[in-house]
C-alpha atoms as a PDB file:
ATOM      1  CA  UNK A   1      19.651-104.162 -11.839  1.00  0.00           C
ATOM      2  CA  UNK A   2      21.951-105.379 -14.559  1.00  0.00           C
ATOM      3  CA  UNK A   3      25.174-104.175 -12.953  1.00  0.00           C
ATOM      4  CA  UNK A   4      26.545-104.362  -9.425  1.00  0.00           C
ATOM      5  CA  UNK A   5      28.264-101.298  -8.028  1.00  0.00           C
ATOM      6  CA  UNK A   6      30.525-101.094  -4.989  1.00  0.00           C
ATOM      7  CA  UNK A   7      31.382 -97.391  -4.981  1.00  0.00           C
ATOM      8  CA  UNK A   8      28.952 -94.490  -5.093  1.00  0.00           C
ATOM      9  CA  UNK A   9      30.434 -91.056  -5.770  1.00  0.00           C
ATOM     10  CA  UNK A  10      28.115 -88.129  -5.097  1.00  0.00           C
ATOM     11  CA  UNK A  11      28.304 -84.514  -6.094  1.00  0.00           C
ATOM     12  CA  UNK A  12      27.460 -82.198  -3.163  1.00  0.00           C
ATOM     13  CA  UNK A  13      26.026 -78.836  -4.265  1.00  0.00           C
ATOM     14  CA  UNK A  14      22.610 -79.071  -5.954  1.00  0.00           C
ATOM     15  CA  UNK A  15      22.666 -82.866  -5.587  1.00  0.00           C
ATOM     16  CA  UNK A  16      22.596 -83.431  -1.811  1.00  0.00           C
ATOM     17  CA  UNK A  17      23.094 -79.966  -0.320  1.00  0.00           C
ATOM     18  CA  UNK A  18      20.465 -77.487  -1.512  1.00  0.00           C
ATOM     19  CA  UNK A  19      22.785 -74.773  -2.747  1.00  0.00           C
ATOM     20  CA  UNK A  20      20.064 -72.561  -4.192  1.00  0.00           C
ATOM     21  CA  UNK A  21      17.980 -72.351  -1.032  1.00  0.00           C
ATOM     22  CA  UNK A  22      21.001 -72.044   1.239  1.00  0.00           C
ATOM     23  CA  UNK A  23      22.555 -69.324  -0.911  1.00  0.00           C
ATOM     24  CA  UNK A  24      19.288 -67.405  -1.113  1.00  0.00           C
ATOM     25  CA  UNK A  25      18.868 -67.524   2.672  1.00  0.00           C
ATOM     26  CA  UNK A  26      22.439 -66.286   3.134  1.00  0.00           C
ATOM     27  CA  UNK A  27      22.099 -63.442   0.648  1.00  0.00           C
ATOM     28  CA  UNK A  28      18.750 -62.421   2.111  1.00  0.00           C
ATOM     29  CA  UNK A  29      20.302 -62.083   5.570  1.00  0.00           C
ATOM     30  CA  UNK A  30      23.210 -60.073   4.142  1.00  0.00           C
ATOM     31  CA  UNK A  31      20.847 -57.848   2.163  1.00  0.00           C
ATOM     32  CA  UNK A  32      19.252 -56.919   5.465  1.00  0.00           C
ATOM     33  CA  UNK A  33      22.465 -56.759   7.500  1.00  0.00           C
ATOM     34  CA  UNK A  34      24.149 -54.365   5.063  1.00  0.00           C
ATOM     35  CA  UNK A  35      20.910 -52.393   4.496  1.00  0.00           C
ATOM     36  CA  UNK A  36      21.279 -52.655   0.740  1.00  0.00           C
ATOM     37  CA  UNK A  37      17.777 -51.318   0.276  1.00  0.00           C
ATOM     38  CA  UNK A  38      19.022 -47.989   1.628  1.00  0.00           C
ATOM     39  CA  UNK A  39      21.803 -48.006  -0.975  1.00  0.00           C
ATOM     40  CA  UNK A  40      19.251 -48.193  -3.782  1.00  0.00           C
ATOM     41  CA  UNK A  41      18.745 -51.950  -4.177  1.00  0.00           C
ATOM     42  CA  UNK A  42      15.042 -51.879  -3.391  1.00  0.00           C
ATOM     43  CA  UNK A  43      14.187 -55.354  -4.708  1.00  0.00           C
ATOM     44  CA  UNK A  44      15.942 -58.343  -3.121  1.00  0.00           C
ATOM     45  CA  UNK A  45      14.790 -60.687  -5.888  1.00  0.00           C
ATOM     46  CA  UNK A  46      16.449 -58.503  -8.535  1.00  0.00           C
ATOM     47  CA  UNK A  47      19.644 -58.448  -6.449  1.00  0.00           C
ATOM     48  CA  UNK A  48      19.551 -62.232  -6.035  1.00  0.00           C
ATOM     49  CA  UNK A  49      18.950 -62.780  -9.752  1.00  0.00           C
ATOM     50  CA  UNK A  50      21.865 -60.576 -10.793  1.00  0.00           C
ATOM     51  CA  UNK A  51      24.168 -62.222  -8.283  1.00  0.00           C
ATOM     52  CA  UNK A  52      23.359 -65.667  -9.689  1.00  0.00           C
ATOM     53  CA  UNK A  53      24.017 -64.514 -13.247  1.00  0.00           C
ATOM     54  CA  UNK A  54      27.482 -63.241 -12.311  1.00  0.00           C
ATOM     55  CA  UNK A  55      28.207 -66.234 -10.089  1.00  0.00           C
ATOM     56  CA  UNK A  56      27.426 -68.709 -12.885  1.00  0.00           C
ATOM     57  CA  UNK A  57      29.552 -66.828 -15.418  1.00  0.00           C
ATOM     58  CA  UNK A  58      32.530 -66.500 -13.086  1.00  0.00           C
ATOM     59  CA  UNK A  59      32.352 -70.143 -11.983  1.00  0.00           C
ATOM     60  CA  UNK A  60      32.479 -71.124 -15.667  1.00  0.00           C
ATOM     61  CA  UNK A  61      35.565 -68.952 -16.125  1.00  0.00           C
ATOM     62  CA  UNK A  62      37.114 -70.407 -12.962  1.00  0.00           C
ATOM     63  CA  UNK A  63      36.533 -74.005 -14.129  1.00  0.00           C
ATOM     64  CA  UNK A  64      38.196 -73.149 -17.440  1.00  0.00           C
ATOM     65  CA  UNK A  65      41.203 -71.698 -15.654  1.00  0.00           C
ATOM     66  CA  UNK A  66      40.695 -68.076 -16.735  1.00  0.00           C
ATOM     67  CA  UNK A  67      40.421 -66.633 -13.209  1.00  0.00           C
ATOM     68  CA  UNK A  68      41.687 -67.510  -9.742  1.00  0.00           C
ATOM     69  CA  UNK A  69      39.618 -68.477  -6.722  1.00  0.00           C
ATOM     70  CA  UNK A  70      39.945 -65.136  -4.942  1.00  0.00           C
ATOM     71  CA  UNK A  71      38.790 -63.221  -8.006  1.00  0.00           C
ATOM     72  CA  UNK A  72      35.711 -65.419  -8.263  1.00  0.00           C
ATOM     73  CA  UNK A  73      34.888 -64.959  -4.607  1.00  0.00           C
ATOM     74  CA  UNK A  74      34.728 -61.167  -4.535  1.00  0.00           C
ATOM     75  CA  UNK A  75      34.086 -60.149  -8.118  1.00  0.00           C
ATOM     76  CA  UNK A  76      30.643 -61.789  -8.331  1.00  0.00           C
ATOM     77  CA  UNK A  77      29.450 -59.429  -5.579  1.00  0.00           C
ATOM     78  CA  UNK A  78      31.302 -56.436  -7.002  1.00  0.00           C
ATOM     79  CA  UNK A  79      29.684 -56.933 -10.422  1.00  0.00           C
ATOM     80  CA  UNK A  80      26.273 -57.329  -8.816  1.00  0.00           C
ATOM     81  CA  UNK A  81      26.647 -54.071  -6.905  1.00  0.00           C
ATOM     82  CA  UNK A  82      27.776 -52.336 -10.088  1.00  0.00           C
ATOM     83  CA  UNK A  83      24.522 -53.425 -11.746  1.00  0.00           C
ATOM     84  CA  UNK A  84      22.800 -51.219  -9.173  1.00  0.00           C
ATOM     85  CA  UNK A  85      25.313 -48.379  -9.639  1.00  0.00           C
ATOM     86  CA  UNK A  86      27.141 -49.077  -6.405  1.00  0.00           C
ATOM     87  CA  UNK A  87      30.857 -48.832  -7.203  1.00  0.00           C
ATOM     88  CA  UNK A  88      32.153 -49.789  -3.769  1.00  0.00           C
ATOM     89  CA  UNK A  89      34.957 -52.340  -3.923  1.00  0.00           C
ATOM     90  CA  UNK A  90      35.441 -52.396  -0.144  1.00  0.00           C
ATOM     91  CA  UNK A  91      31.756 -53.166   0.386  1.00  0.00           C
ATOM     92  CA  UNK A  92      31.924 -55.935  -2.202  1.00  0.00           C
ATOM     93  CA  UNK A  93      34.822 -57.539  -0.335  1.00  0.00           C
ATOM     94  CA  UNK A  94      33.049 -57.149   3.000  1.00  0.00           C
ATOM     95  CA  UNK A  95      29.813 -58.761   1.823  1.00  0.00           C
ATOM     96  CA  UNK A  96      31.737 -61.509   0.020  1.00  0.00           C
ATOM     97  CA  UNK A  97      33.660 -62.385   3.171  1.00  0.00           C
ATOM     98  CA  UNK A  98      30.452 -62.510   5.206  1.00  0.00           C
ATOM     99  CA  UNK A  99      28.763 -64.654   2.532  1.00  0.00           C
ATOM    100  CA  UNK A 100      31.566 -67.223   2.639  1.00  0.00           C
ATOM    101  CA  UNK A 101      31.369 -67.344   6.436  1.00  0.00           C
ATOM    102  CA  UNK A 102      27.595 -67.806   6.627  1.00  0.00           C
ATOM    103  CA  UNK A 103      26.815 -69.955   3.565  1.00  0.00           C
ATOM    104  CA  UNK A 104      28.504 -73.188   4.715  1.00  0.00           C
ATOM    105  CA  UNK A 105      26.646 -73.044   8.038  1.00  0.00           C
ATOM    106  CA  UNK A 106      23.290 -73.416   6.265  1.00  0.00           C
ATOM    107  CA  UNK A 107      21.882 -76.923   6.390  1.00  0.00           C
ATOM    108  CA  UNK A 108      19.001 -77.330   3.941  1.00  0.00           C
ATOM    109  CA  UNK A 109      19.262 -80.554   1.949  1.00  0.00           C
ATOM    110  CA  UNK A 110      17.681 -81.736  -1.279  1.00  0.00           C
ATOM    111  CA  UNK A 111      14.481 -83.708  -0.496  1.00  0.00           C
ATOM    112  CA  UNK A 112      15.187 -87.384   0.320  1.00  0.00           C
ATOM    113  CA  UNK A 113      18.966 -86.858   0.567  1.00  0.00           C
ATOM    114  CA  UNK A 114      19.266 -88.313   4.073  1.00  0.00           C
ATOM    115  CA  UNK A 115      16.841 -91.137   3.267  1.00  0.00           C
ATOM    116  CA  UNK A 116      18.928 -92.186   0.266  1.00  0.00           C
ATOM    117  CA  UNK A 117      22.227 -91.979   2.154  1.00  0.00           C
ATOM    118  CA  UNK A 118      20.824 -94.005   5.040  1.00  0.00           C
ATOM    119  CA  UNK A 119      19.662 -96.684   2.609  1.00  0.00           C
ATOM    120  CA  UNK A 120      23.034 -96.862   0.862  1.00  0.00           C
ATOM    121  CA  UNK A 121      25.468 -96.487   3.760  1.00  0.00           C
ATOM    122  CA  UNK A 122      25.677-100.181   4.697  1.00  0.00           C
ATOM    123  CA  UNK A 123      25.478-101.409   1.101  1.00  0.00           C
ATOM    124  CA  UNK A 124      28.148 -99.335  -0.638  1.00  0.00           C
ATOM    125  CA  UNK A 125      31.304 -97.368  -0.078  1.00  0.00           C
ATOM    126  CA  UNK A 126      30.272 -93.741  -0.559  1.00  0.00           C
ATOM    127  CA  UNK A 127      32.482 -90.778  -1.406  1.00  0.00           C
ATOM    128  CA  UNK A 128      32.087 -87.197  -2.622  1.00  0.00           C
ATOM    129  CA  UNK A 129      33.606 -85.495  -5.654  1.00  0.00           C
ATOM    130  CA  UNK A 130      33.067 -81.749  -5.580  1.00  0.00           C
ATOM    131  CA  UNK A 131      34.435 -78.711  -7.380  1.00  0.00           C
ATOM    132  CA  UNK A 132      33.865 -76.665  -4.243  1.00  0.00           C
ATOM    133  CA  UNK A 133      36.625 -75.363  -1.999  1.00  0.00           C
ATOM    134  CA  UNK A 134      38.033 -77.650   0.686  1.00  0.00           C
ATOM    135  CA  UNK A 135      37.196 -75.785   3.896  1.00  0.00           C
ATOM    136  CA  UNK A 136      33.817 -74.597   2.621  1.00  0.00           C
ATOM    137  CA  UNK A 137      32.652 -78.055   1.581  1.00  0.00           C
ATOM    138  CA  UNK A 138      33.737 -79.615   4.872  1.00  0.00           C
ATOM    139  CA  UNK A 139      31.759 -77.006   6.790  1.00  0.00           C
ATOM    140  CA  UNK A 140      28.659 -77.700   4.698  1.00  0.00           C
ATOM    141  CA  UNK A 141      28.922 -81.398   5.503  1.00  0.00           C
ATOM    142  CA  UNK A 142      29.424 -80.789   9.203  1.00  0.00           C
ATOM    143  CA  UNK A 143      26.558 -78.324   9.631  1.00  0.00           C
ATOM    144  CA  UNK A 144      24.139 -80.429   7.588  1.00  0.00           C
ATOM    145  CA  UNK A 145      25.050 -83.692   9.324  1.00  0.00           C
ATOM    146  CA  UNK A 146      26.459 -85.483   6.271  1.00  0.00           C
ATOM    147  CA  UNK A 147      30.089 -86.140   7.241  1.00  0.00           C
ATOM    148  CA  UNK A 148      29.458 -89.624   8.583  1.00  0.00           C
ATOM    149  CA  UNK A 149      28.219 -90.999   5.296  1.00  0.00           C
ATOM    150  CA  UNK A 150      31.376 -90.558   3.225  1.00  0.00           C
ATOM    151  CA  UNK A 151      34.761 -92.190   3.315  1.00  0.00           C
ATOM    152  CA  UNK A 152      36.593 -89.587   1.237  1.00  0.00           C
ATOM    153  CA  UNK A 153      35.813 -86.015   0.274  1.00  0.00           C
ATOM    154  CA  UNK A 154      37.555 -85.335  -3.033  1.00  0.00           C
ATOM    155  CA  UNK A 155      37.631 -81.620  -3.776  1.00  0.00           C
ATOM    156  CA  UNK A 156      39.053 -79.808  -6.774  1.00  0.00           C
ATOM    157  CA  UNK A 157      41.387 -78.015  -4.390  1.00  0.00           C
ATOM    158  CA  UNK A 158      42.821 -81.229  -2.936  1.00  0.00           C
ATOM    159  CA  UNK A 159      43.029 -83.107  -6.247  1.00  0.00           C
ATOM    160  CA  UNK A 160      44.376 -80.110  -8.188  1.00  0.00           C
ATOM    161  CA  UNK A 161      41.829 -80.795 -10.913  1.00  0.00           C
ATOM    162  CA  UNK A 162      38.142 -80.137 -11.554  1.00  0.00           C
ATOM    163  CA  UNK A 163      35.164 -81.946 -12.973  1.00  0.00           C
ATOM    164  CA  UNK A 164      34.681 -82.577 -15.879  1.00  0.00           C
ATOM    165  CA  UNK A 165      38.420 -83.250 -16.299  1.00  0.00           C
ATOM    166  CA  UNK A 166      39.384 -86.913 -16.185  1.00  0.00           C
ATOM    167  CA  UNK A 167      42.174 -86.245 -13.689  1.00  0.00           C
ATOM    168  CA  UNK A 168      39.853 -85.677 -10.731  1.00  0.00           C
ATOM    169  CA  UNK A 169      38.078 -88.966 -11.399  1.00  0.00           C
ATOM    170  CA  UNK A 170      41.397 -90.812 -11.681  1.00  0.00           C
ATOM    171  CA  UNK A 171      42.488 -89.145  -8.450  1.00  0.00           C
ATOM    172  CA  UNK A 172      39.273 -90.323  -6.778  1.00  0.00           C
ATOM    173  CA  UNK A 173      39.925 -93.931  -7.804  1.00  0.00           C
ATOM    174  CA  UNK A 174      43.492 -93.746  -6.540  1.00  0.00           C
ATOM    175  CA  UNK A 175      42.543 -92.236  -3.174  1.00  0.00           C
ATOM    176  CA  UNK A 176      39.592 -94.547  -2.483  1.00  0.00           C
ATOM    177  CA  UNK A 177      40.975 -97.763  -3.960  1.00  0.00           C
ATOM    178  CA  UNK A 178      37.917 -98.046  -6.182  1.00  0.00           C
ATOM    179  CA  UNK A 179      37.829 -99.093  -9.822  1.00  0.00           C
ATOM    180  CA  UNK A 180      35.901 -97.486 -12.656  1.00  0.00           C
ATOM    181  CA  UNK A 181      33.891-100.593 -13.518  1.00  0.00           C
ATOM    182  CA  UNK A 182      32.359-100.771 -10.042  1.00  0.00           C
ATOM    183  CA  UNK A 183      31.928 -97.002  -9.605  1.00  0.00           C
ATOM    184  CA  UNK A 184      29.067 -94.676 -10.449  1.00  0.00           C
ATOM    185  CA  UNK A 185      28.813 -90.887 -10.267  1.00  0.00           C
ATOM    186  CA  UNK A 186      25.605 -89.187  -9.084  1.00  0.00           C
ATOM    187  CA  UNK A 187      25.306 -85.512  -9.962  1.00  0.00           C
ATOM    188  CA  UNK A 188      23.100 -82.733 -11.290  1.00  0.00           C
ATOM    189  CA  UNK A 189      25.423 -81.071 -13.799  1.00  0.00           C
ATOM    190  CA  UNK A 190      25.263 -82.651 -17.241  1.00  0.00           C
ATOM    191  CA  UNK A 191      28.435 -81.032 -18.609  1.00  0.00           C
ATOM    192  CA  UNK A 192      30.385 -81.420 -15.374  1.00  0.00           C
ATOM    193  CA  UNK A 193      29.380 -84.533 -13.406  1.00  0.00           C
ATOM    194  CA  UNK A 194      27.917 -86.664 -16.175  1.00  0.00           C
ATOM    195  CA  UNK A 195      30.239 -85.775 -19.031  1.00  0.00           C
ATOM    196  CA  UNK A 196      33.265 -85.999 -16.752  1.00  0.00           C
ATOM    197  CA  UNK A 197      32.342 -89.409 -15.363  1.00  0.00           C
ATOM    198  CA  UNK A 198      31.483 -90.722 -18.813  1.00  0.00           C
ATOM    199  CA  UNK A 199      34.822 -89.593 -20.245  1.00  0.00           C
ATOM    200  CA  UNK A 200      36.567 -91.298 -17.308  1.00  0.00           C
ATOM    201  CA  UNK A 201      34.798 -94.582 -18.094  1.00  0.00           C
ATOM    202  CA  UNK A 202      32.336 -94.483 -15.199  1.00  0.00           C
ATOM    203  CA  UNK A 203      28.607 -95.069 -15.162  1.00  0.00           C
ATOM    204  CA  UNK A 204      26.527 -92.053 -14.166  1.00  0.00           C
ATOM    205  CA  UNK A 205      23.207 -91.029 -12.637  1.00  0.00           C
ATOM    206  CA  UNK A 206      21.971 -87.686 -13.920  1.00  0.00           C
ATOM    207  CA  UNK A 207      19.835 -85.996 -11.263  1.00  0.00           C
ATOM    208  CA  UNK A 208      17.591 -83.770 -13.370  1.00  0.00           C
ATOM    209  CA  UNK A 209      14.947 -82.195 -11.094  1.00  0.00           C
ATOM    210  CA  UNK A 210      14.012 -79.502 -13.639  1.00  0.00           C
ATOM    211  CA  UNK A 211      13.575 -82.099 -16.395  1.00  0.00           C
ATOM    212  CA  UNK A 212      15.864 -80.162 -18.707  1.00  0.00           C
ATOM    213  CA  UNK A 213      16.013 -81.439 -22.259  1.00  0.00           C
ATOM    214  CA  UNK A 214      19.326 -82.751 -23.576  1.00  0.00           C
ATOM    215  CA  UNK A 215      20.796 -85.184 -26.070  1.00  0.00           C
ATOM    216  CA  UNK A 216      23.190 -86.978 -23.720  1.00  0.00           C
ATOM    217  CA  UNK A 217      22.644 -90.590 -22.733  1.00  0.00           C
ATOM    218  CA  UNK A 218      23.588 -91.049 -19.075  1.00  0.00           C
ATOM    219  CA  UNK A 219      23.473 -94.534 -17.640  1.00  0.00           C
ATOM    220  CA  UNK A 220      20.488 -93.477 -15.523  1.00  0.00           C
ATOM    221  CA  UNK A 221      18.402 -90.333 -15.280  1.00  0.00           C
ATOM    222  CA  UNK A 222      16.232 -89.408 -12.304  1.00  0.00           C
ATOM    223  CA  UNK A 223      14.080 -86.418 -11.394  1.00  0.00           C
ATOM    224  CA  UNK A 224      13.868 -86.985  -7.653  1.00  0.00           C
ATOM    225  CA  UNK A 225      16.585 -88.337  -5.366  1.00  0.00           C
ATOM    226  CA  UNK A 226      14.237 -90.995  -4.005  1.00  0.00           C
ATOM    227  CA  UNK A 227      14.445 -92.669  -7.424  1.00  0.00           C
ATOM    228  CA  UNK A 228      17.985 -93.719  -6.488  1.00  0.00           C
ATOM    229  CA  UNK A 229      16.370 -96.322  -4.245  1.00  0.00           C
ATOM    230  CA  UNK A 230      15.144 -98.130  -7.358  1.00  0.00           C
ATOM    231  CA  UNK A 231      18.704 -98.232  -8.736  1.00  0.00           C
ATOM    232  CA  UNK A 232      20.642 -99.060  -5.589  1.00  0.00           C
END
């Protein structure tokens, strides 16, 4: 390795915590609990697909400052129900509340996440930088057994900024006492984790499990978390 790092900053969702599988499990349980099949949503997979489409669009709007957190949290379900001709705002709020209560208690991790963290915990100072909400992200860490690995949990809520903006990375350096030259960001989102870290002057590891094509040049690119062991 040509460069020595002291500080590893991880993203959480999709990088260590398997958001897709945990979200699907949560929505599947809610689909059954609220008997959505009896309301005309006969195919869970279609419901799940539509929810993800709305969730991704609204998160993009939230990151750009166009909508507030509460609007994001309930409107993604409301829009999904509307796709199936269910215009029930109260139901949308009820399912959204239940989703936010159950999701962070799920504990499925990305393959090799614990192995990598175990390997790195005595070698580096490790921290998290996440755009997720404070209480939700802490619950995810607690239920999945990850809290002990990280010194600081930097959330967009606490830092009053979001990846890819430089401010959240500067905030992370200030809080942890790290410096950019000795820090590296590990994340799955090219335009959020990697672009943000690069613009802040940090090295980056792009975790790219789907092998998506791109024209960016991250410091490192991996397709499985276990490849981090060859870097660190």
